[in-house]
PDB file of all heavy atoms in Angstrom:
ATOM      1  N   ARG A   1       7.076 -41.472  61.590  1.00  0.00           N
ATOM      2  CA  ARG A   1       7.527 -40.208  62.193  1.00  0.00           C
ATOM      3  C   ARG A   1       9.028 -40.132  62.242  1.00  0.00           C
ATOM      4  O   ARG A   1       9.658 -39.069  62.089  1.00  0.00           O
ATOM      5  CB  ARG A   1       6.943 -40.132  63.593  1.00  0.00           C
ATOM      6  CG  ARG A   1       5.445 -39.856  63.633  1.00  0.00           C
ATOM      7  CD  ARG A   1       4.917 -39.783  65.074  1.00  0.00           C
ATOM      8  NE  ARG A   1       3.530 -39.470  65.089  1.00  0.00           N
ATOM      9  CZ  ARG A   1       2.521 -40.265  65.632  1.00  0.00           C
ATOM     10  NH1 ARG A   1       2.913 -41.411  66.184  1.00  0.00           N
ATOM     11  NH2 ARG A   1       1.335 -39.893  65.624  1.00  0.00           N
ATOM     12  N   PHE A   2       9.700 -41.281  62.457  1.00  0.00           N
ATOM     13  CA  PHE A   2      11.166 -41.323  62.420  1.00  0.00           C
ATOM     14  C   PHE A   2      11.729 -40.854  61.081  1.00  0.00           C
ATOM     15  O   PHE A   2      12.589 -40.000  61.027  1.00  0.00           O
ATOM     16  CB  PHE A   2      11.692 -42.719  62.741  1.00  0.00           C
ATOM     17  CG  PHE A   2      13.144 -42.880  62.469  1.00  0.00           C
ATOM     18  CD1 PHE A   2      14.081 -42.482  63.414  1.00  0.00           C
ATOM     19  CD2 PHE A   2      13.564 -43.418  61.252  1.00  0.00           C
ATOM     20  CE1 PHE A   2      15.423 -42.610  63.160  1.00  0.00           C
ATOM     21  CE2 PHE A   2      14.939 -43.554  60.993  1.00  0.00           C
ATOM     22  CZ  PHE A   2      15.883 -43.121  61.938  1.00  0.00           C
ATOM     23  N   TRP A   3      11.197 -41.408  60.014  1.00  0.00           N
ATOM     24  CA  TRP A   3      11.683 -41.099  58.689  1.00  0.00           C
ATOM     25  C   TRP A   3      11.339 -39.655  58.288  1.00  0.00           C
ATOM     26  O   TRP A   3      12.076 -39.013  57.559  1.00  0.00           O
ATOM     27  CB  TRP A   3      11.222 -42.102  57.650  1.00  0.00           C
ATOM     28  CG  TRP A   3      11.841 -43.406  57.759  1.00  0.00           C
ATOM     29  CD1 TRP A   3      11.348 -44.588  58.172  1.00  0.00           C
ATOM     30  CD2 TRP A   3      13.271 -43.665  57.437  1.00  0.00           C
ATOM     31  NE1 TRP A   3      12.287 -45.584  58.188  1.00  0.00           N
ATOM     32  CE2 TRP A   3      13.485 -45.064  57.741  1.00  0.00           C
ATOM     33  CE3 TRP A   3      14.319 -42.890  57.018  1.00  0.00           C
ATOM     34  CZ2 TRP A   3      14.717 -45.682  57.557  1.00  0.00           C
ATOM     35  CZ3 TRP A   3      15.569 -43.516  56.822  1.00  0.00           C
ATOM     36  CH2 TRP A   3      15.754 -44.868  57.095  1.00  0.00           C
ATOM     37  N   ALA A   4      10.214 -39.172  58.820  1.00  0.00           N
ATOM     38  CA  ALA A   4       9.883 -37.771  58.548  1.00  0.00           C
ATOM     39  C   ALA A   4      10.882 -36.822  59.195  1.00  0.00           C
ATOM     40  O   ALA A   4      11.348 -35.880  58.544  1.00  0.00           O
ATOM     41  CB  ALA A   4       8.463 -37.436  59.088  1.00  0.00           C
ATOM     42  N   LYS A   5      11.271 -37.120  60.437  1.00  0.00           N
ATOM     43  CA  LYS A   5      12.316 -36.292  61.119  1.00  0.00           C
ATOM     44  C   LYS A   5      13.643 -36.454  60.403  1.00  0.00           C
ATOM     45  O   LYS A   5      14.386 -35.514  60.215  1.00  0.00           O
ATOM     46  CB  LYS A   5      12.417 -36.711  62.561  1.00  0.00           C
ATOM     47  CG  LYS A   5      13.321 -35.830  63.366  1.00  0.00           C
ATOM     48  CD  LYS A   5      13.302 -36.207  64.847  1.00  0.00           C
ATOM     49  CE  LYS A   5      14.187 -35.258  65.649  1.00  0.00           C
ATOM     50  NZ  LYS A   5      14.207 -35.622  67.094  1.00  0.00           N
ATOM     51  N   PHE A   6      13.971 -37.708  59.967  1.00  0.00           N
ATOM     52  CA  PHE A   6      15.153 -37.934  59.234  1.00  0.00           C
ATOM     53  C   PHE A   6      15.216 -37.063  57.993  1.00  0.00           C
ATOM     54  O   PHE A   6      16.238 -36.467  57.666  1.00  0.00           O
ATOM     55  CB  PHE A   6      15.188 -39.421  58.866  1.00  0.00           C
ATOM     56  CG  PHE A   6      16.273 -39.817  57.853  1.00  0.00           C
ATOM     57  CD1 PHE A   6      17.556 -40.150  58.291  1.00  0.00           C
ATOM     58  CD2 PHE A   6      16.015 -39.842  56.508  1.00  0.00           C
ATOM     59  CE1 PHE A   6      18.529 -40.515  57.387  1.00  0.00           C
ATOM     60  CE2 PHE A   6      17.012 -40.177  55.591  1.00  0.00           C
ATOM     61  CZ  PHE A   6      18.264 -40.484  56.055  1.00  0.00           C
ATOM     62  N   ASN A   7      14.090 -36.989  57.282  1.00  0.00           N
ATOM     63  CA  ASN A   7      14.032 -36.180  56.066  1.00  0.00           C
ATOM     64  C   ASN A   7      14.353 -34.719  56.345  1.00  0.00           C
ATOM     65  O   ASN A   7      15.237 -34.118  55.693  1.00  0.00           O
ATOM     66  CB  ASN A   7      12.626 -36.263  55.456  1.00  0.00           C
ATOM     67  CG  ASN A   7      12.401 -35.245  54.361  1.00  0.00           C
ATOM     68  OD1 ASN A   7      12.826 -35.420  53.265  1.00  0.00           O
ATOM     69  ND2 ASN A   7      11.721 -34.152  54.700  1.00  0.00           N
ATOM     70  N   ASP A   8      13.731 -34.152  57.356  1.00  0.00           N
ATOM     71  CA  ASP A   8      13.931 -32.726  57.631  1.00  0.00           C
ATOM     72  C   ASP A   8      15.292 -32.370  58.190  1.00  0.00           C
ATOM     73  O   ASP A   8      15.802 -31.291  57.918  1.00  0.00           O
ATOM     74  CB  ASP A   8      12.850 -32.250  58.630  1.00  0.00           C
ATOM     75  CG  ASP A   8      11.480 -32.074  57.974  1.00  0.00           C
ATOM     76  OD1 ASP A   8      11.329 -32.494  56.773  1.00  0.00           O
ATOM     77  OD2 ASP A   8      10.578 -31.485  58.626  1.00  0.00           O
ATOM     78  N   GLU A   9      15.893 -33.339  58.910  1.00  0.00           N
ATOM     79  CA  GLU A   9      17.180 -33.042  59.546  1.00  0.00           C
ATOM     80  C   GLU A   9      18.373 -33.603  58.776  1.00  0.00           C
ATOM     81  O   GLU A   9      19.456 -32.995  58.803  1.00  0.00           O
ATOM     82  CB  GLU A   9      17.201 -33.677  60.957  1.00  0.00           C
ATOM     83  CG  GLU A   9      16.174 -33.061  61.883  1.00  0.00           C
ATOM     84  CD  GLU A   9      16.209 -33.618  63.291  1.00  0.00           C
ATOM     85  OE1 GLU A   9      16.996 -34.606  63.502  1.00  0.00           O
ATOM     86  OE2 GLU A   9      15.443 -33.159  64.183  1.00  0.00           O
ATOM     87  N   LYS A  10      18.211 -34.729  58.052  1.00  0.00           N
ATOM     88  CA  LYS A  10      19.343 -35.355  57.493  1.00  0.00           C
ATOM     89  C   LYS A  10      19.329 -35.369  55.941  1.00  0.00           C
ATOM     90  O   LYS A  10      20.357 -35.770  55.319  1.00  0.00           O
ATOM     91  CB  LYS A  10      19.406 -36.833  57.905  1.00  0.00           C
ATOM     92  CG  LYS A  10      19.636 -37.048  59.414  1.00  0.00           C
ATOM     93  CD  LYS A  10      20.987 -36.582  59.865  1.00  0.00           C
ATOM     94  CE  LYS A  10      21.272 -36.916  61.321  1.00  0.00           C
ATOM     95  NZ  LYS A  10      22.577 -36.445  61.744  1.00  0.00           N
ATOM     96  N   LEU A  11      18.221 -34.948  55.308  1.00  0.00           N
ATOM     97  CA  LEU A  11      18.186 -34.950  53.854  1.00  0.00           C
ATOM     98  C   LEU A  11      17.983 -33.584  53.257  1.00  0.00           C
ATOM     99  O   LEU A  11      18.765 -33.202  52.382  1.00  0.00           O
ATOM    100  CB  LEU A  11      17.000 -35.889  53.377  1.00  0.00           C
ATOM    101  CG  LEU A  11      16.858 -35.977  51.872  1.00  0.00           C
ATOM    102  CD1 LEU A  11      18.180 -36.530  51.278  1.00  0.00           C
ATOM    103  CD2 LEU A  11      15.703 -36.858  51.510  1.00  0.00           C
ATOM    104  N   VAL A  12      16.997 -32.818  53.754  1.00  0.00           N
ATOM    105  CA  VAL A  12      16.776 -31.522  53.202  1.00  0.00           C
ATOM    106  C   VAL A  12      18.017 -30.601  53.237  1.00  0.00           C
ATOM    107  O   VAL A  12      18.418 -30.039  52.211  1.00  0.00           O
ATOM    108  CB  VAL A  12      15.528 -30.824  53.831  1.00  0.00           C
ATOM    109  CG1 VAL A  12      15.405 -29.385  53.281  1.00  0.00           C
ATOM    110  CG2 VAL A  12      14.307 -31.609  53.583  1.00  0.00           C
ATOM    111  N   PRO A  13      18.689 -30.416  54.379  1.00  0.00           N
ATOM    112  CA  PRO A  13      19.827 -29.496  54.399  1.00  0.00           C
ATOM    113  C   PRO A  13      20.975 -29.911  53.513  1.00  0.00           C
ATOM    114  O   PRO A  13      21.489 -29.081  52.724  1.00  0.00           O
ATOM    115  CB  PRO A  13      20.224 -29.553  55.909  1.00  0.00           C
ATOM    116  CG  PRO A  13      18.996 -29.894  56.640  1.00  0.00           C
ATOM    117  CD  PRO A  13      18.326 -30.919  55.729  1.00  0.00           C
ATOM    118  N   PRO A  14      21.420 -31.213  53.469  1.00  0.00           N
ATOM    119  CA  PRO A  14      22.469 -31.555  52.555  1.00  0.00           C
ATOM    120  C   PRO A  14      22.100 -31.481  51.087  1.00  0.00           C
ATOM    121  O   PRO A  14      22.954 -31.092  50.259  1.00  0.00           O
ATOM    122  CB  PRO A  14      22.900 -32.963  52.970  1.00  0.00           C
ATOM    123  CG  PRO A  14      21.741 -33.503  53.726  1.00  0.00           C
ATOM    124  CD  PRO A  14      21.088 -32.331  54.388  1.00  0.00           C
ATOM    125  N   VAL A  15      20.893 -31.722  50.765  1.00  0.00           N
ATOM    126  CA  VAL A  15      20.440 -31.634  49.362  1.00  0.00           C
ATOM    127  C   VAL A  15      20.556 -30.145  48.947  1.00  0.00           C
ATOM    128  O   VAL A  15      21.015 -29.808  47.844  1.00  0.00           O
ATOM    129  CB  VAL A  15      19.030 -32.123  49.186  1.00  0.00           C
ATOM    130  CG1 VAL A  15      18.438 -31.654  47.861  1.00  0.00           C
ATOM    131  CG2 VAL A  15      19.014 -33.650  49.178  1.00  0.00           C
ATOM    132  N   TRP A  16      20.108 -29.234  49.852  1.00  0.00           N
ATOM    133  CA  TRP A  16      20.141 -27.827  49.517  1.00  0.00           C
ATOM    134  C   TRP A  16      21.579 -27.372  49.292  1.00  0.00           C
ATOM    135  O   TRP A  16      21.893 -26.725  48.282  1.00  0.00           O
ATOM    136  CB  TRP A  16      19.591 -27.019  50.671  1.00  0.00           C
ATOM    137  CG  TRP A  16      19.721 -25.546  50.562  1.00  0.00           C
ATOM    138  CD1 TRP A  16      20.600 -24.752  51.219  1.00  0.00           C
ATOM    139  CD2 TRP A  16      19.006 -24.678  49.715  1.00  0.00           C
ATOM    140  NE1 TRP A  16      20.513 -23.443  50.861  1.00  0.00           N
ATOM    141  CE2 TRP A  16      19.481 -23.369  49.930  1.00  0.00           C
ATOM    142  CE3 TRP A  16      17.952 -24.862  48.857  1.00  0.00           C
ATOM    143  CZ2 TRP A  16      18.970 -22.264  49.274  1.00  0.00           C
ATOM    144  CZ3 TRP A  16      17.430 -23.719  48.163  1.00  0.00           C
ATOM    145  CH2 TRP A  16      17.909 -22.476  48.369  1.00  0.00           C
ATOM    146  N   THR A  17      22.544 -27.798  50.168  1.00  0.00           N
ATOM    147  CA  THR A  17      23.918 -27.382  49.988  1.00  0.00           C
ATOM    148  C   THR A  17      24.569 -28.073  48.789  1.00  0.00           C
ATOM    149  O   THR A  17      25.365 -27.467  48.094  1.00  0.00           O
ATOM    150  CB  THR A  17      24.720 -27.760  51.293  1.00  0.00           C
ATOM    151  OG1 THR A  17      24.071 -27.068  52.439  1.00  0.00           O
ATOM    152  CG2 THR A  17      26.159 -27.321  51.221  1.00  0.00           C
ATOM    153  N   ALA A  18      24.187 -29.278  48.603  1.00  0.00           N
ATOM    154  CA  ALA A  18      24.726 -30.021  47.426  1.00  0.00           C
ATOM    155  C   ALA A  18      24.357 -29.400  46.119  1.00  0.00           C
ATOM    156  O   ALA A  18      25.153 -29.388  45.125  1.00  0.00           O
ATOM    157  CB  ALA A  18      24.246 -31.485  47.420  1.00  0.00           C
ATOM    158  N   CYS A  19      23.173 -28.830  46.056  1.00  0.00           N
ATOM    159  CA  CYS A  19      22.700 -28.185  44.845  1.00  0.00           C
ATOM    160  C   CYS A  19      23.173 -26.763  44.659  1.00  0.00           C
ATOM    161  O   CYS A  19      23.415 -26.263  43.560  1.00  0.00           O
ATOM    162  CB  CYS A  19      21.128 -28.198  44.794  1.00  0.00           C
ATOM    163  SG  CYS A  19      20.388 -29.780  44.623  1.00  0.00           S
ATOM    164  N   THR A  20      23.379 -26.041  45.820  1.00  0.00           N
ATOM    165  CA  THR A  20      23.650 -24.635  45.722  1.00  0.00           C
ATOM    166  C   THR A  20      25.012 -24.228  46.208  1.00  0.00           C
ATOM    167  O   THR A  20      25.434 -23.066  46.070  1.00  0.00           O
ATOM    168  CB  THR A  20      22.588 -23.858  46.542  1.00  0.00           C
ATOM    169  OG1 THR A  20      22.730 -24.161  47.948  1.00  0.00           O
ATOM    170  CG2 THR A  20      21.177 -24.185  46.079  1.00  0.00           C
ATOM    171  N   GLY A  21      25.768 -25.144  46.885  1.00  0.00           N
ATOM    172  CA  GLY A  21      27.024 -24.786  47.449  1.00  0.00           C
ATOM    173  C   GLY A  21      28.204 -24.885  46.465  1.00  0.00           C
ATOM    174  O   GLY A  21      28.024 -25.101  45.267  1.00  0.00           O
ATOM    175  N   GLU A  22      29.411 -24.722  47.059  1.00  0.00           N
ATOM    176  CA  GLU A  22      30.609 -24.753  46.215  1.00  0.00           C
ATOM    177  C   GLU A  22      31.687 -25.504  47.000  1.00  0.00           C
ATOM    178  O   GLU A  22      31.667 -25.601  48.214  1.00  0.00           O
ATOM    179  CB  GLU A  22      31.081 -23.362  45.965  1.00  0.00           C
ATOM    180  CG  GLU A  22      30.151 -22.456  45.148  1.00  0.00           C
ATOM    181  CD  GLU A  22      30.610 -21.069  44.921  1.00  0.00           C
ATOM    182  OE1 GLU A  22      31.646 -20.722  45.571  1.00  0.00           O
ATOM    183  OE2 GLU A  22      30.024 -20.327  44.158  1.00  0.00           O
ATOM    184  N   GLY A  23      32.672 -25.993  46.230  1.00  0.00           N
ATOM    185  CA  GLY A  23      33.897 -26.538  46.839  1.00  0.00           C
ATOM    186  C   GLY A  23      33.696 -27.730  47.698  1.00  0.00           C
ATOM    187  O   GLY A  23      32.782 -28.589  47.451  1.00  0.00           O
ATOM    188  N   GLU A  24      34.479 -27.871  48.732  1.00  0.00           N
ATOM    189  CA  GLU A  24      34.469 -29.010  49.619  1.00  0.00           C
ATOM    190  C   GLU A  24      33.125 -29.181  50.335  1.00  0.00           C
ATOM    191  O   GLU A  24      32.649 -30.311  50.487  1.00  0.00           O
ATOM    192  CB  GLU A  24      35.594 -28.899  50.626  1.00  0.00           C
ATOM    193  CG  GLU A  24      35.764 -30.114  51.545  1.00  0.00           C
ATOM    194  CD  GLU A  24      36.901 -29.986  52.519  1.00  0.00           C
ATOM    195  OE1 GLU A  24      37.666 -29.016  52.439  1.00  0.00           O
ATOM    196  OE2 GLU A  24      37.045 -30.911  53.369  1.00  0.00           O
ATOM    197  N   ALA A  25      32.541 -28.066  50.714  1.00  0.00           N
ATOM    198  CA  ALA A  25      31.263 -28.148  51.454  1.00  0.00           C
ATOM    199  C   ALA A  25      30.223 -28.783  50.535  1.00  0.00           C
ATOM    200  O   ALA A  25      29.373 -29.583  50.978  1.00  0.00           O
ATOM    201  CB  ALA A  25      30.810 -26.763  51.886  1.00  0.00           C
ATOM    202  N   GLN A  26      30.211 -28.378  49.262  1.00  0.00           N
ATOM    203  CA  GLN A  26      29.222 -28.929  48.322  1.00  0.00           C
ATOM    204  C   GLN A  26      29.461 -30.404  48.098  1.00  0.00           C
ATOM    205  O   GLN A  26      28.473 -31.217  48.081  1.00  0.00           O
ATOM    206  CB  GLN A  26      29.352 -28.178  46.957  1.00  0.00           C
ATOM    207  CG  GLN A  26      28.255 -28.506  45.973  1.00  0.00           C
ATOM    208  CD  GLN A  26      28.608 -29.659  45.039  1.00  0.00           C
ATOM    209  OE1 GLN A  26      29.815 -29.988  44.876  1.00  0.00           O
ATOM    210  NE2 GLN A  26      27.636 -30.282  44.416  1.00  0.00           N
ATOM    211  N   GLU A  27      30.701 -30.840  47.981  1.00  0.00           N
ATOM    212  CA  GLU A  27      31.018 -32.252  47.777  1.00  0.00           C
ATOM    213  C   GLU A  27      30.613 -33.060  49.007  1.00  0.00           C
ATOM    214  O   GLU A  27      30.024 -34.210  48.854  1.00  0.00           O
ATOM    215  CB  GLU A  27      32.489 -32.445  47.469  1.00  0.00           C
ATOM    216  CG  GLU A  27      32.928 -31.922  46.138  1.00  0.00           C
ATOM    217  CD  GLU A  27      32.239 -32.646  44.975  1.00  0.00           C
ATOM    218  OE1 GLU A  27      32.008 -33.891  45.081  1.00  0.00           O
ATOM    219  OE2 GLU A  27      31.866 -32.052  43.979  1.00  0.00           O
ATOM    220  N   LYS A  28      30.880 -32.616  50.200  1.00  0.00           N
ATOM    221  CA  LYS A  28      30.529 -33.339  51.397  1.00  0.00           C
ATOM    222  C   LYS A  28      28.989 -33.417  51.483  1.00  0.00           C
ATOM    223  O   LYS A  28      28.444 -34.470  51.919  1.00  0.00           O
ATOM    224  CB  LYS A  28      31.104 -32.647  52.585  1.00  0.00           C
ATOM    225  CG  LYS A  28      32.615 -32.889  52.762  1.00  0.00           C
ATOM    226  CD  LYS A  28      33.126 -32.243  54.059  1.00  0.00           C
ATOM    227  CE  LYS A  28      34.581 -32.523  54.247  1.00  0.00           C
ATOM    228  NZ  LYS A  28      35.102 -31.909  55.510  1.00  0.00           N
ATOM    229  N   ALA A  29      28.311 -32.377  51.170  1.00  0.00           N
ATOM    230  CA  ALA A  29      26.835 -32.357  51.270  1.00  0.00           C
ATOM    231  C   ALA A  29      26.251 -33.344  50.208  1.00  0.00           C
ATOM    232  O   ALA A  29      25.298 -34.030  50.541  1.00  0.00           O
ATOM    233  CB  ALA A  29      26.338 -30.933  51.013  1.00  0.00           C
ATOM    234  N   LYS A  30      26.823 -33.370  49.061  1.00  0.00           N
ATOM    235  CA  LYS A  30      26.325 -34.286  48.021  1.00  0.00           C
ATOM    236  C   LYS A  30      26.503 -35.763  48.517  1.00  0.00           C
ATOM    237  O   LYS A  30      25.610 -36.553  48.308  1.00  0.00           O
ATOM    238  CB  LYS A  30      27.088 -34.068  46.686  1.00  0.00           C
ATOM    239  CG  LYS A  30      26.569 -35.021  45.585  1.00  0.00           C
ATOM    240  CD  LYS A  30      27.230 -34.673  44.253  1.00  0.00           C
ATOM    241  CE  LYS A  30      26.735 -35.567  43.124  1.00  0.00           C
ATOM    242  NZ  LYS A  30      27.392 -35.286  41.842  1.00  0.00           N
ATOM    243  N   GLU A  31      27.632 -36.066  49.088  1.00  0.00           N
ATOM    244  CA  GLU A  31      27.870 -37.421  49.606  1.00  0.00           C
ATOM    245  C   GLU A  31      26.856 -37.765  50.668  1.00  0.00           C
ATOM    246  O   GLU A  31      26.266 -38.886  50.693  1.00  0.00           O
ATOM    247  CB  GLU A  31      29.289 -37.503  50.201  1.00  0.00           C
ATOM    248  CG  GLU A  31      29.624 -38.906  50.740  1.00  0.00           C
ATOM    249  CD  GLU A  31      31.060 -38.946  51.314  1.00  0.00           C
ATOM    250  OE1 GLU A  31      31.815 -37.978  51.085  1.00  0.00           O
ATOM    251  OE2 GLU A  31      31.389 -39.931  51.952  1.00  0.00           O
TER     252      GLU A  31
END
């Protein structure tokens, strides 16, 4: 359950921004 919550809160949002964002926000999200 911990890793499931980790996925939804700490992985899905930055992956989305890393794939679809631009500039500094995209780079930070990818990291």
